[in-house]
Protein backbone atom coordinates (compact mmCIF):
# COMPACT_ATOMS: atom_id res chain seq x y z
CA UNK A 1 208.99 -12.02 216.39
CA UNK A 2 209.66 -15.09 218.51
CA UNK A 3 208.14 -17.33 215.84
CA UNK A 4 210.81 -16.13 213.41
CA UNK A 5 213.63 -16.78 215.86
CA UNK A 6 214.85 -13.18 215.68
CA UNK A 7 216.81 -11.48 218.43
CA UNK A 8 215.59 -8.39 220.26
CA UNK A 9 218.01 -6.31 218.15
CA UNK A 10 216.21 -7.28 214.98
CA UNK A 11 212.73 -6.91 216.49
CA UNK A 12 212.70 -3.21 215.59
CA UNK A 13 213.38 -3.82 211.92
CA UNK A 14 210.62 -2.90 209.54
CA UNK A 15 208.80 -5.86 208.05
CA UNK A 16 206.74 -5.71 204.88
CA UNK A 17 203.12 -4.93 205.60
CA UNK A 18 200.33 -6.68 203.77
CA UNK A 19 199.73 -3.52 201.75
CA UNK A 20 203.37 -3.39 200.63
CA UNK A 21 203.25 -7.04 199.61
CA UNK A 22 200.05 -6.48 197.61
CA UNK A 23 201.56 -3.41 195.90
CA UNK A 24 204.74 -5.32 195.03
CA UNK A 25 202.79 -8.27 193.65
CA UNK A 26 200.53 -6.04 191.55
CA UNK A 27 203.53 -4.14 190.19
CA UNK A 28 205.22 -7.41 189.27
CA UNK A 29 202.10 -8.57 187.41
CA UNK A 30 201.93 -5.23 185.60
CA UNK A 31 205.55 -5.43 184.49
CA UNK A 32 205.23 -9.04 183.35
CA UNK A 33 202.10 -8.13 181.39
CA UNK A 34 203.91 -5.19 179.78
CA UNK A 35 206.87 -7.40 178.86
CA UNK A 36 204.53 -9.63 176.86
CA UNK A 37 203.50 -6.82 174.53
CA UNK A 38 204.92 -6.33 171.07
CA UNK A 39 205.52 -2.64 171.80
CA UNK A 40 207.81 -3.50 174.71
CA UNK A 41 210.06 -5.58 172.46
CA UNK A 42 209.96 -3.09 169.58
CA UNK A 43 211.33 -0.34 171.86
CA UNK A 44 214.55 -2.27 172.34
CA UNK A 45 217.22 -2.36 175.03
CA UNK A 46 216.12 -0.75 178.29
CA UNK A 47 219.50 -0.98 180.02
CA UNK A 48 220.48 2.36 178.46
CA UNK A 49 217.60 4.27 180.09
């Protein structure tokens, strides 16, 4: 934690693990891929869901 310049109080905070980062990245790729499909745009406004 010293490399990040964090205080002892923040040392106990949860940091993303490599697995969480990989999951997040893969989910982002999946969503971006889905958003490129015609079906995604045909279905319309998702803000109402």
